[in-house]
């Protein structure tokens, strides 16, 4: 009897902490919105998550944004950012680790710890859970919940069972499943808790509707019928979680924070103060055998405002690169608006994306002219500002202007439209050698001297014979082709409407790409 009792005493106990609506909580903190704000997160045009105030008005996950706005016009919609979820949950994991070491992160908004030792320290499992919940609510301003059970799967559903229902308007925030009672706790739960739609559908057809009914089936028969996945689900339904508890290794804190007292309002003062800490930031990365390919710079003002931005780098950040990004963000150059109206009281620099340092080492014989080119252009950029040196890249689009994208030197170019996608109506190869930064107005005349135009059906009214450019030069056209119609985003009020493209060759042998739209004739490019 004592041996059985001794074995029961060593049954592992797991505490699962769950913050409901974590994507909403993280986005609300980031946007500094009130707790009752009707925030909706959108992914691919569909509602990904909705705050409680929005759900009360009928906004549910999976709705199209337009349908959600028709149900509740007052919603605040923001794009869903999974990286924000993880970044906002990191302080919560750190806080839990300070109370109970050995945290396993299940997903943003949910983590688990082994609670046996903590229960002895805090005076019981429920007391330990309440201590963790109080700390998490203090940090994240969320309505955290906790469940304690023998296994991870049971503890997760114990935490979920603390939500208010029609029969429990104000339940406890902690649910403790006594040791050995996991199977009886799980028995009334529906099969949907297993989150395996295919197997759940088959079980429902067989007349099995709850986890308790599924657990009563013979494990050998379940393995033969449903394979290893079915055997694992059967173990979960029986209260035996085969998943091992794996505590995470706490990440190295590589963030650098510089506080200013009193607050600084001059760019050169902030840049000078950050310079030494930028060196410490890069040195810490090197000691960890890492380099940063993207960093996050956060500027806090004495009035409570926060301006942040993620900076990308085509290679890796050096200390001078970090200082330049801080200075450019404060200056609010061509593409950045720091948005601060008071002096800067704090600067935080955090690595957003890191890579192994071995992937960025210089070759044995150097790497040619690239380091010198990069150094020279970076030096010019530091004198002219962030937008002083631009690099062109090609992306998708139907017009030549839309296919060009200028990116500041040192920033990683991120294409908004993929060039690999099909673009019906795009100009075929060979493309013009010179694309004008601004279209040049021209005049195209027919043989009788009248202006060439097209009718309502897009048919040419008269063949073009002469081209007059902006420099008042008149050229005879020896060959031409077209028109090719283009109607892009015609449903938008600011759309340019329909246009027609022509290719023409003048008497000097120069080929032109001409465009006719509601504003007249334009020379868009030249074939060199």
Protein backbone atom coordinates (compact mmCIF):
# COMPACT_ATOMS: atom_id res chain seq x y z
CA UNK A 1 0.00 0.00 0.00
CA UNK A 2 2.83 2.34 0.83
CA UNK A 3 4.53 1.54 -2.51
CA UNK A 4 1.37 2.49 -4.40
CA UNK A 5 1.06 5.69 -2.39
CA UNK A 6 4.71 6.50 -3.03
CA UNK A 7 4.26 6.08 -6.78
CA UNK A 8 1.18 8.31 -6.72
CA UNK A 9 3.10 11.01 -4.90
CA UNK A 10 5.53 11.20 -7.81
CA UNK A 11 2.93 11.66 -10.53
CA UNK A 12 4.09 14.77 -12.41
CA UNK A 13 1.79 17.75 -12.09
CA UNK A 14 1.53 20.37 -14.81
CA UNK A 15 0.25 23.94 -14.58
CA UNK A 16 -0.91 25.51 -17.83
CA UNK A 17 -1.24 29.29 -17.98
CA UNK A 18 -3.60 30.60 -20.64
CA UNK A 19 -4.26 34.20 -21.63
CA UNK A 20 -7.53 34.22 -23.64
CA UNK A 21 -7.66 36.38 -26.77
CA UNK A 22 -3.90 36.84 -26.68
CA UNK A 23 -3.61 38.26 -30.24
CA UNK A 24 -6.14 40.94 -29.21
CA UNK A 25 -4.29 41.63 -25.93
CA UNK A 26 -0.93 41.96 -27.73
CA UNK A 27 -2.31 44.22 -30.46
CA UNK A 28 -4.20 46.35 -27.95
CA UNK A 29 -1.01 46.91 -25.94
CA UNK A 30 0.92 47.74 -29.09
CA UNK A 31 -1.70 50.22 -30.30
CA UNK A 32 -2.28 51.58 -26.76
CA UNK A 33 -6.04 51.08 -27.03
CA UNK A 34 -8.45 50.89 -24.08
CA UNK A 35 -9.50 47.50 -22.77
CA UNK A 36 -13.03 47.78 -24.20
CA UNK A 37 -11.92 48.86 -27.69
CA UNK A 38 -13.72 46.84 -30.44
CA UNK A 39 -10.46 45.69 -31.98
CA UNK A 40 -10.51 43.22 -34.88
CA UNK A 41 -7.44 41.56 -36.38
CA UNK A 42 -7.61 40.77 -40.08
CA UNK A 43 -5.64 38.22 -42.09
CA UNK A 44 -6.13 37.78 -45.84
CA UNK A 45 -9.32 39.80 -45.74
CA UNK A 46 -10.91 37.61 -43.04
CA UNK A 47 -11.39 38.24 -39.33
CA UNK A 48 -8.67 36.34 -37.46
CA UNK A 49 -9.55 37.49 -33.93
CA UNK A 50 -12.10 39.87 -32.42
CA UNK A 51 -12.27 41.56 -29.04
CA UNK A 52 -15.12 40.74 -26.67
CA UNK A 53 -16.83 44.07 -27.40
CA UNK A 54 -16.78 43.25 -31.15
CA UNK A 55 -17.99 39.68 -30.60
CA UNK A 56 -20.94 41.03 -28.63
CA UNK A 57 -22.04 42.80 -31.84
CA UNK A 58 -21.89 39.62 -33.93
CA UNK A 59 -18.32 39.83 -35.26
CA UNK A 60 -16.89 36.31 -35.34
CA UNK A 61 -13.75 34.71 -36.65
CA UNK A 62 -13.80 33.88 -40.34
CA UNK A 63 -16.07 36.75 -41.39
CA UNK A 64 -15.03 38.90 -44.29
CA UNK A 65 -13.95 42.32 -43.15
CA UNK A 66 -16.72 44.04 -45.07
CA UNK A 67 -19.33 41.80 -43.44
CA UNK A 68 -17.83 42.50 -40.01
CA UNK A 69 -17.99 46.25 -40.67
CA UNK A 70 -21.62 45.99 -41.72
CA UNK A 71 -22.47 44.20 -38.48
CA UNK A 72 -20.55 46.69 -36.34
CA UNK A 73 -19.38 49.86 -38.14
CA UNK A 74 -17.42 50.97 -35.07
CA UNK A 75 -14.80 48.21 -35.17
CA UNK A 76 -11.10 49.08 -35.22
CA UNK A 77 -9.43 46.79 -37.74
CA UNK A 78 -5.70 46.08 -37.79
CA UNK A 79 -3.65 43.54 -39.77
CA UNK A 80 -2.72 40.43 -37.80
CA UNK A 81 0.99 40.18 -37.00
CA UNK A 82 2.05 36.77 -35.58
CA UNK A 83 5.50 38.16 -34.75
CA UNK A 84 3.85 40.70 -32.46
CA UNK A 85 2.14 37.86 -30.57
CA UNK A 86 5.46 36.15 -29.87
CA UNK A 87 7.26 39.37 -29.05
CA UNK A 88 4.57 40.51 -26.62
CA UNK A 89 4.47 37.09 -24.89
CA UNK A 90 8.21 37.03 -24.19
CA UNK A 91 7.95 39.30 -21.07
CA UNK A 92 5.21 36.98 -19.77
CA UNK A 93 7.45 33.92 -20.16
CA UNK A 94 10.28 35.75 -18.40
CA UNK A 95 7.99 36.71 -15.52
CA UNK A 96 6.73 33.12 -15.11
CA UNK A 97 10.32 31.84 -15.14
CA UNK A 98 11.14 34.21 -12.28
CA UNK A 99 8.37 32.60 -10.20
CA UNK A 100 8.63 28.97 -11.36
CA UNK A 101 11.72 27.87 -13.34
CA UNK A 102 11.40 25.61 -16.35
CA UNK A 103 8.74 27.03 -18.68
CA UNK A 104 7.50 25.30 -21.81
CA UNK A 105 6.05 27.73 -24.36
CA UNK A 106 3.12 26.02 -26.07
CA UNK A 107 2.12 28.97 -28.27
CA UNK A 108 1.81 32.74 -27.83
CA UNK A 109 -0.66 33.19 -25.00
CA UNK A 110 -0.17 29.74 -23.43
CA UNK A 111 2.69 28.14 -21.50
CA UNK A 112 3.20 25.32 -19.02
CA UNK A 113 5.35 24.64 -15.93
CA UNK A 114 5.81 21.67 -13.65
CA UNK A 115 4.13 22.74 -10.44
CA UNK A 116 5.03 20.10 -7.84
CA UNK A 117 7.96 22.03 -6.34
CA UNK A 118 6.18 25.37 -6.66
CA UNK A 119 3.14 23.99 -4.84
CA UNK A 120 5.30 23.19 -1.82
CA UNK A 121 6.83 26.67 -1.90
CA UNK A 122 3.61 28.68 -2.37
CA UNK A 123 1.42 26.52 -0.17
CA UNK A 124 -0.52 24.47 -2.69
CA UNK A 125 -1.17 24.12 -6.40
CA UNK A 126 -4.01 26.63 -6.46
CA UNK A 127 -1.95 29.17 -4.52
CA UNK A 128 0.93 28.76 -6.98
CA UNK A 129 -1.46 29.19 -9.92
CA UNK A 130 -3.00 32.33 -8.41
CA UNK A 131 0.47 33.79 -7.84
CA UNK A 132 1.39 33.26 -11.49
CA UNK A 133 -1.93 34.67 -12.70
CA UNK A 134 -1.55 37.81 -10.59
CA UNK A 135 1.92 38.44 -11.99
CA UNK A 136 0.82 37.87 -15.60
CA UNK A 137 -2.22 40.13 -15.27
CA UNK A 138 0.05 42.82 -13.85
CA UNK A 139 2.34 42.65 -16.89
CA UNK A 140 -0.07 41.95 -19.73
CA UNK A 141 -3.35 43.40 -18.43
CA UNK A 142 -5.11 40.21 -19.48
CA UNK A 143 -7.67 37.94 -17.87
CA UNK A 144 -5.28 35.02 -17.41
CA UNK A 145 -6.52 31.54 -16.53
CA UNK A 146 -4.77 28.42 -15.23
CA UNK A 147 -5.37 24.70 -15.06
CA UNK A 148 -3.49 22.07 -13.05
CA UNK A 149 -3.59 18.35 -13.87
CA UNK A 150 -1.46 15.24 -14.27
CA UNK A 151 -0.82 15.78 -17.99
CA UNK A 152 -0.46 18.67 -20.40
CA UNK A 153 -3.59 17.94 -22.45
CA UNK A 154 -5.77 17.73 -19.35
CA UNK A 155 -4.28 20.89 -17.85
CA UNK A 156 -4.98 22.84 -21.07
CA UNK A 157 -8.67 21.91 -20.98
CA UNK A 158 -8.80 22.56 -17.24
CA UNK A 159 -7.64 26.12 -17.95
CA UNK A 160 -10.21 26.48 -20.74
CA UNK A 161 -12.98 25.26 -18.44
CA UNK A 162 -12.57 28.38 -16.27
CA UNK A 163 -14.20 30.63 -18.87
CA UNK A 164 -17.67 31.96 -18.00
CA UNK A 165 -20.63 29.95 -19.29
CA UNK A 166 -24.40 30.20 -19.01
CA UNK A 167 -24.31 28.10 -15.84
CA UNK A 168 -21.18 29.73 -14.37
CA UNK A 169 -21.27 33.50 -14.74
CA UNK A 170 -18.26 34.08 -12.47
CA UNK A 171 -16.16 30.91 -12.28
CA UNK A 172 -12.77 30.68 -10.58
CA UNK A 173 -9.73 31.58 -12.67
CA UNK A 174 -8.03 28.30 -11.61
CA UNK A 175 -9.22 24.73 -12.12
CA UNK A 176 -7.30 22.01 -10.29
CA UNK A 177 -7.93 18.42 -11.43
CA UNK A 178 -7.01 16.07 -8.56
CA UNK A 179 -4.25 13.56 -9.17
CA UNK A 180 -5.53 10.46 -10.95
CA UNK A 181 -8.83 12.08 -12.00
CA UNK A 182 -7.80 13.17 -15.50
CA UNK A 183 -9.91 10.53 -17.28
CA UNK A 184 -13.07 11.40 -15.37
CA UNK A 185 -12.52 15.14 -15.97
CA UNK A 186 -12.07 14.62 -19.72
CA UNK A 187 -14.90 12.10 -20.12
CA UNK A 188 -17.79 14.56 -20.76
CA UNK A 189 -15.82 16.72 -23.21
CA UNK A 190 -16.80 16.48 -26.91
CA UNK A 191 -14.52 14.82 -29.43
CA UNK A 192 -13.80 18.22 -31.01
CA UNK A 193 -11.35 18.79 -28.13
CA UNK A 194 -8.95 16.39 -29.91
CA UNK A 195 -8.64 18.84 -32.85
CA UNK A 196 -8.38 16.05 -35.45
CA UNK A 197 -11.39 16.61 -37.76
CA UNK A 198 -10.94 13.51 -39.92
CA UNK A 199 -10.79 11.02 -37.05
CA UNK A 200 -13.47 12.89 -35.10
CA UNK A 201 -15.83 12.63 -38.10
CA UNK A 202 -15.28 8.86 -38.32
CA UNK A 203 -15.85 8.42 -34.59
CA UNK A 204 -19.08 10.40 -34.73
CA UNK A 205 -20.31 8.13 -37.54
CA UNK A 206 -19.53 5.16 -35.27
CA UNK A 207 -21.66 6.65 -32.51
CA UNK A 208 -18.80 7.89 -30.33
CA UNK A 209 -19.41 11.50 -29.27
CA UNK A 210 -17.37 12.16 -26.09
CA UNK A 211 -13.83 11.58 -24.91
CA UNK A 212 -15.11 9.17 -22.25
CA UNK A 213 -16.79 6.95 -24.84
CA UNK A 214 -13.64 7.04 -26.97
CA UNK A 215 -11.46 6.10 -23.95
CA UNK A 216 -13.62 3.02 -23.30
CA UNK A 217 -12.61 1.53 -26.65
CA UNK A 218 -9.81 -1.03 -26.62
CA UNK A 219 -6.47 0.65 -27.33
CA UNK A 220 -5.32 -2.21 -29.62
CA UNK A 221 -8.47 -1.94 -31.75
CA UNK A 222 -8.05 1.83 -31.97
CA UNK A 223 -4.43 1.46 -33.12
CA UNK A 224 -5.40 -1.07 -35.79
CA UNK A 225 -8.29 1.07 -37.09
CA UNK A 226 -6.82 4.58 -36.84
CA UNK A 227 -3.04 4.03 -36.74
CA UNK A 228 -0.53 5.86 -34.58
CA UNK A 229 -2.46 9.13 -34.68
CA UNK A 230 -5.56 7.39 -33.36
CA UNK A 231 -3.53 5.67 -30.63
CA UNK A 232 -2.14 9.02 -29.51
CA UNK A 233 -5.63 10.56 -29.40
CA UNK A 234 -6.91 7.56 -27.44
CA UNK A 235 -4.16 8.08 -24.87
CA UNK A 236 -5.12 11.77 -24.58
CA UNK A 237 -8.80 10.91 -24.08
CA UNK A 238 -7.79 8.42 -21.37
CA UNK A 239 -5.83 11.06 -19.46
CA UNK A 240 -2.41 9.74 -20.51
CA UNK A 241 -0.56 12.44 -22.44
CA UNK A 242 2.37 10.89 -24.38
CA UNK A 243 3.89 14.34 -24.99
CA UNK A 244 6.99 14.89 -22.86
CA UNK A 245 7.40 18.12 -20.93
CA UNK A 246 10.31 20.08 -22.45
CA UNK A 247 11.29 23.27 -20.68
CA UNK A 248 12.72 25.98 -22.91
CA UNK A 249 16.20 27.38 -22.56
CA UNK A 250 15.81 31.06 -21.62
CA UNK A 251 17.07 33.22 -24.50
CA UNK A 252 20.03 35.50 -24.09
CA UNK A 253 18.93 39.06 -23.44
CA UNK A 254 20.59 41.03 -26.24
CA UNK A 255 18.45 44.16 -26.01
CA UNK A 256 20.20 47.44 -25.28
CA UNK A 257 18.37 50.23 -23.44
CA UNK A 258 19.68 53.77 -23.07
CA UNK A 259 17.83 56.06 -20.65
CA UNK A 260 18.17 59.86 -20.73
CA UNK A 261 17.57 62.02 -17.68
CA UNK A 262 16.68 64.71 -18.54
CA UNK A 263 15.19 63.89 -21.94
CA UNK A 264 17.19 64.88 -25.02
CA UNK A 265 15.74 66.80 -27.95
CA UNK A 266 18.76 67.01 -30.26
CA UNK A 267 19.66 64.33 -32.76
CA UNK A 268 23.42 64.64 -32.30
CA UNK A 269 23.11 64.26 -28.52
CA UNK A 270 21.09 61.06 -28.81
CA UNK A 271 23.37 59.63 -31.51
CA UNK A 272 26.48 60.34 -29.41
CA UNK A 273 24.93 58.73 -26.33
CA UNK A 274 23.85 55.64 -28.26
CA UNK A 275 27.22 55.11 -29.98
CA UNK A 276 28.94 53.27 -27.12
CA UNK A 277 25.90 51.10 -26.38
CA UNK A 278 25.61 50.24 -30.08
CA UNK A 279 29.12 48.82 -29.83
CA UNK A 280 28.08 46.80 -26.78
CA UNK A 281 25.05 45.56 -28.72
CA UNK A 282 27.15 44.25 -31.61
CA UNK A 283 29.81 42.80 -29.26
CA UNK A 284 27.14 40.84 -27.38
CA UNK A 285 25.89 39.38 -30.63
CA UNK A 286 29.44 38.39 -31.62
CA UNK A 287 29.97 36.66 -28.25
CA UNK A 288 26.82 34.66 -28.96
CA UNK A 289 28.22 33.86 -32.46
CA UNK A 290 25.37 35.82 -34.06
CA UNK A 291 24.85 38.82 -36.31
CA UNK A 292 21.71 40.92 -36.62
CA UNK A 293 20.15 41.20 -40.07
CA UNK A 294 17.16 43.17 -38.73
CA UNK A 295 16.86 45.35 -35.63
CA UNK A 296 13.98 47.05 -33.86
CA UNK A 297 14.51 50.62 -32.65
CA UNK A 298 12.03 51.98 -30.09
CA UNK A 299 12.03 55.66 -29.12
CA UNK A 300 10.20 56.69 -25.93
CA UNK A 301 9.41 60.32 -25.28
CA UNK A 302 8.96 62.00 -21.91
CA UNK A 303 5.27 62.53 -22.75
CA UNK A 304 4.69 58.75 -23.00
CA UNK A 305 4.73 58.44 -26.81
CA UNK A 306 6.53 55.51 -28.44
CA UNK A 307 7.81 55.35 -32.02
CA UNK A 308 9.24 52.08 -33.26
CA UNK A 309 10.44 50.65 -36.54
CA UNK A 310 12.12 47.48 -37.81
CA UNK A 311 15.21 48.18 -39.91
CA UNK A 312 16.47 45.59 -42.38
CA UNK A 313 20.04 45.18 -43.60
CA UNK A 314 21.18 43.39 -46.77
CA UNK A 315 24.17 41.94 -44.88
CA UNK A 316 24.51 42.49 -41.12
CA UNK A 317 24.54 45.47 -38.77
CA UNK A 318 27.73 47.04 -37.49
CA UNK A 319 27.83 49.53 -34.62
CA UNK A 320 27.91 52.50 -37.00
CA UNK A 321 24.93 51.07 -38.92
CA UNK A 322 22.93 50.89 -35.69
CA UNK A 323 23.76 54.52 -34.80
CA UNK A 324 22.77 55.66 -38.29
CA UNK A 325 19.37 53.93 -38.00
CA UNK A 326 18.70 55.57 -34.65
CA UNK A 327 19.62 58.97 -36.06
CA UNK A 328 17.51 58.53 -39.20
CA UNK A 329 14.51 57.42 -37.17
CA UNK A 330 14.77 60.53 -35.00
CA UNK A 331 15.26 62.85 -37.95
CA UNK A 332 12.13 61.58 -39.67
CA UNK A 333 13.61 61.40 -43.15
CA UNK A 334 11.79 60.89 -46.43
CA UNK A 335 10.21 57.58 -45.50
CA UNK A 336 10.18 57.69 -41.70
CA UNK A 337 8.17 59.76 -39.30
CA UNK A 338 9.32 59.37 -35.73
CA UNK A 339 6.04 60.86 -34.56
CA UNK A 340 7.40 62.25 -31.30
CA UNK A 341 6.46 65.69 -30.00
CA UNK A 342 8.66 65.75 -26.89
CA UNK A 343 12.22 64.99 -25.85
CA UNK A 344 13.51 61.41 -26.05
CA UNK A 345 13.78 59.70 -22.69
CA UNK A 346 14.71 56.16 -23.76
CA UNK A 347 16.11 54.31 -26.76
CA UNK A 348 15.76 50.53 -27.00
CA UNK A 349 17.63 48.51 -29.63
CA UNK A 350 16.62 44.86 -30.02
CA UNK A 351 17.66 42.22 -32.57
CA UNK A 352 14.61 41.33 -34.63
CA UNK A 353 16.28 38.73 -36.89
CA UNK A 354 19.63 37.07 -36.22
CA UNK A 355 21.82 34.65 -38.15
CA UNK A 356 24.89 32.58 -37.42
CA UNK A 357 28.04 34.67 -37.68
CA UNK A 358 29.71 32.00 -39.82
CA UNK A 359 27.31 32.77 -42.66
CA UNK A 360 28.60 36.35 -42.84
CA UNK A 361 32.36 35.90 -42.58
CA UNK A 362 34.60 37.49 -45.22
CA UNK A 363 36.34 35.09 -47.58
CA UNK A 364 40.01 34.21 -47.30
CA UNK A 365 40.96 36.64 -50.06
CA UNK A 366 38.31 39.20 -49.23
CA UNK A 367 35.11 39.73 -51.14
CA UNK A 368 36.22 42.06 -53.94
CA UNK A 369 34.93 45.59 -54.25
CA UNK A 370 31.68 45.00 -52.36
CA UNK A 371 32.94 46.06 -48.87
CA UNK A 372 34.46 49.25 -50.28
CA UNK A 373 31.33 50.05 -52.29
CA UNK A 374 29.16 49.42 -49.26
CA UNK A 375 31.37 51.57 -47.04
CA UNK A 376 31.46 54.42 -49.57
CA UNK A 377 27.74 54.51 -50.20
CA UNK A 378 26.98 54.18 -46.48
CA UNK A 379 29.25 57.14 -45.83
CA UNK A 380 27.45 59.24 -48.44
CA UNK A 381 24.10 58.15 -47.00
CA UNK A 382 25.15 59.15 -43.48
CA UNK A 383 25.80 62.67 -44.78
CA UNK A 384 22.73 63.02 -47.02
CA UNK A 385 20.20 61.16 -44.89
CA UNK A 386 18.38 57.86 -45.13
CA UNK A 387 16.75 58.61 -48.49
CA UNK A 388 19.85 60.17 -50.03
CA UNK A 389 21.05 56.95 -51.73
CA UNK A 390 18.44 54.77 -53.42
CA UNK A 391 18.74 51.37 -55.11
CA UNK A 392 16.26 50.29 -57.81
CA UNK A 393 14.67 46.86 -57.81
CA UNK A 394 12.14 45.21 -60.12
CA UNK A 395 8.78 43.92 -58.89
CA UNK A 396 5.52 42.86 -60.48
CA UNK A 397 3.15 45.20 -62.26
CA UNK A 398 1.51 46.01 -65.58
CA UNK A 399 3.05 49.40 -66.21
CA UNK A 400 6.72 50.27 -66.31
CA UNK A 401 6.34 52.83 -63.54
CA UNK A 402 4.67 50.35 -61.18
CA UNK A 403 7.42 47.77 -61.73
CA UNK A 404 10.12 50.07 -60.36
CA UNK A 405 10.76 50.21 -56.62
CA UNK A 406 13.40 52.43 -55.02
CA UNK A 407 14.81 51.24 -51.71
CA UNK A 408 17.16 53.18 -49.46
CA UNK A 409 20.71 51.87 -49.51
CA UNK A 410 21.26 49.48 -46.62
CA UNK A 411 17.59 48.45 -46.41
CA UNK A 412 16.53 45.04 -47.59
CA UNK A 413 14.22 45.35 -50.55
CA UNK A 414 10.82 43.76 -49.88
CA UNK A 415 8.75 43.40 -53.05
CA UNK A 416 5.09 44.33 -52.59
CA UNK A 417 4.10 42.59 -55.84
CA UNK A 418 5.87 39.43 -56.94
CA UNK A 419 7.50 39.62 -60.35
CA UNK A 420 7.00 35.85 -60.74
CA UNK A 421 3.22 36.10 -60.83
CA UNK A 422 1.43 36.40 -64.17
CA UNK A 423 0.54 40.01 -65.02
CA UNK A 424 -1.94 40.02 -67.91
CA UNK A 425 -1.58 43.19 -69.92
CA UNK A 426 2.06 43.75 -68.94
CA UNK A 427 4.44 44.95 -71.64
CA UNK A 428 6.19 41.94 -73.22
CA UNK A 429 9.92 41.63 -73.76
CA UNK A 430 12.09 43.24 -74.97
CA UNK A 431 11.50 46.08 -72.52
CA UNK A 432 12.62 49.68 -73.17
CA UNK A 433 16.14 50.60 -72.13
CA UNK A 434 15.21 54.02 -70.74
CA UNK A 435 12.12 54.55 -68.58
CA UNK A 436 11.46 58.20 -67.82
CA UNK A 437 11.04 59.08 -64.15
CA UNK A 438 8.16 61.33 -65.22
CA UNK A 439 6.21 60.81 -68.40
CA UNK A 440 6.87 63.43 -71.07
CA UNK A 441 3.85 65.05 -72.76
CA UNK A 442 3.88 64.63 -76.57
CA UNK A 443 1.53 65.14 -79.51
CA UNK A 444 0.76 62.54 -82.17
CA UNK A 445 -0.74 63.69 -85.46
CA UNK A 446 -2.33 61.98 -88.44
CA UNK A 447 -1.47 62.72 -92.06
CA UNK A 448 -4.09 65.51 -92.22
CA UNK A 449 -2.64 67.23 -89.13
CA UNK A 450 -5.40 66.23 -86.72
CA UNK A 451 -4.62 64.68 -83.34
CA UNK A 452 -4.73 60.89 -83.30
CA UNK A 453 -7.24 59.31 -80.89
CA UNK A 454 -9.27 56.15 -80.40
CA UNK A 455 -13.02 55.59 -80.38
CA UNK A 456 -15.21 54.09 -77.66
CA UNK A 457 -14.30 50.57 -78.79
CA UNK A 458 -10.57 51.32 -78.63
CA UNK A 459 -10.09 51.43 -82.39
CA UNK A 460 -7.63 53.90 -83.89
CA UNK A 461 -9.41 56.67 -85.82
CA UNK A 462 -6.41 57.49 -88.03
CA UNK A 463 -2.89 56.08 -88.36
CA UNK A 464 -0.16 58.16 -86.63
CA UNK A 465 2.36 59.79 -88.98
CA UNK A 466 4.11 62.47 -86.90
CA UNK A 467 5.35 62.82 -83.32
CA UNK A 468 5.96 66.17 -81.62
CA UNK A 469 7.97 65.99 -78.38
CA UNK A 470 8.23 68.45 -75.51
CA UNK A 471 11.33 70.08 -77.02
CA UNK A 472 9.16 71.21 -79.98
CA UNK A 473 10.94 68.80 -82.32
CA UNK A 474 8.73 67.15 -84.93
CA UNK A 475 9.56 63.61 -86.05
CA UNK A 476 8.05 61.54 -88.82
CA UNK A 477 6.92 58.07 -87.76
CA UNK A 478 8.09 55.31 -90.05
CA UNK A 479 6.50 52.38 -88.19
CA UNK A 480 4.05 51.87 -85.37
CA UNK A 481 2.11 49.11 -83.58
CA UNK A 482 -0.91 49.14 -81.27
CA UNK A 483 -3.08 50.10 -79.58
CA UNK A 484 -2.98 47.74 -76.59
CA UNK A 485 -5.65 48.68 -74.05
CA UNK A 486 -5.04 48.64 -70.32
CA UNK A 487 -7.74 49.14 -67.67
CA UNK A 488 -6.23 48.72 -64.19
CA UNK A 489 -8.25 49.02 -60.95
CA UNK A 490 -11.06 50.80 -62.80
CA UNK A 491 -13.35 50.53 -59.75
CA UNK A 492 -11.26 52.93 -57.64
CA UNK A 493 -12.07 56.66 -57.85
CA UNK A 494 -8.38 57.61 -58.07
CA UNK A 495 -7.71 55.10 -60.84
CA UNK A 496 -6.24 56.66 -64.03
CA UNK A 497 -8.93 54.91 -66.07
CA UNK A 498 -8.34 53.25 -69.42
CA UNK A 499 -5.21 53.82 -71.44
CA UNK A 500 -3.81 52.62 -74.76
CA UNK A 501 -0.16 51.85 -75.44
CA UNK A 502 1.65 52.20 -78.75
CA UNK A 503 5.12 51.43 -80.03
CA UNK A 504 6.45 53.78 -82.69
CA UNK A 505 9.72 54.31 -84.59
CA UNK A 506 10.65 57.80 -85.84
CA UNK A 507 12.73 58.78 -88.86
CA UNK A 508 15.96 58.79 -86.79
CA UNK A 509 15.54 55.12 -85.90
CA UNK A 510 14.56 55.85 -82.29
CA UNK A 511 11.75 53.67 -80.91
CA UNK A 512 9.25 55.03 -78.39
CA UNK A 513 6.69 53.63 -75.99
CA UNK A 514 3.69 55.99 -76.20
CA UNK A 515 0.60 56.03 -73.99
CA UNK A 516 -2.76 57.62 -74.72
CA UNK A 517 -5.13 58.23 -71.82
CA UNK A 518 -7.68 60.83 -70.73
CA UNK A 519 -4.87 63.33 -70.21
CA UNK A 520 -3.56 63.04 -73.77
CA UNK A 521 -0.42 61.52 -75.28
CA UNK A 522 2.66 60.67 -73.23
CA UNK A 523 6.11 59.29 -73.93
CA UNK A 524 6.70 56.74 -71.18
CA UNK A 525 9.94 55.12 -72.31
CA UNK A 526 12.48 54.91 -75.11
CA UNK A 527 14.03 51.81 -76.73
CA UNK A 528 17.77 52.47 -76.79
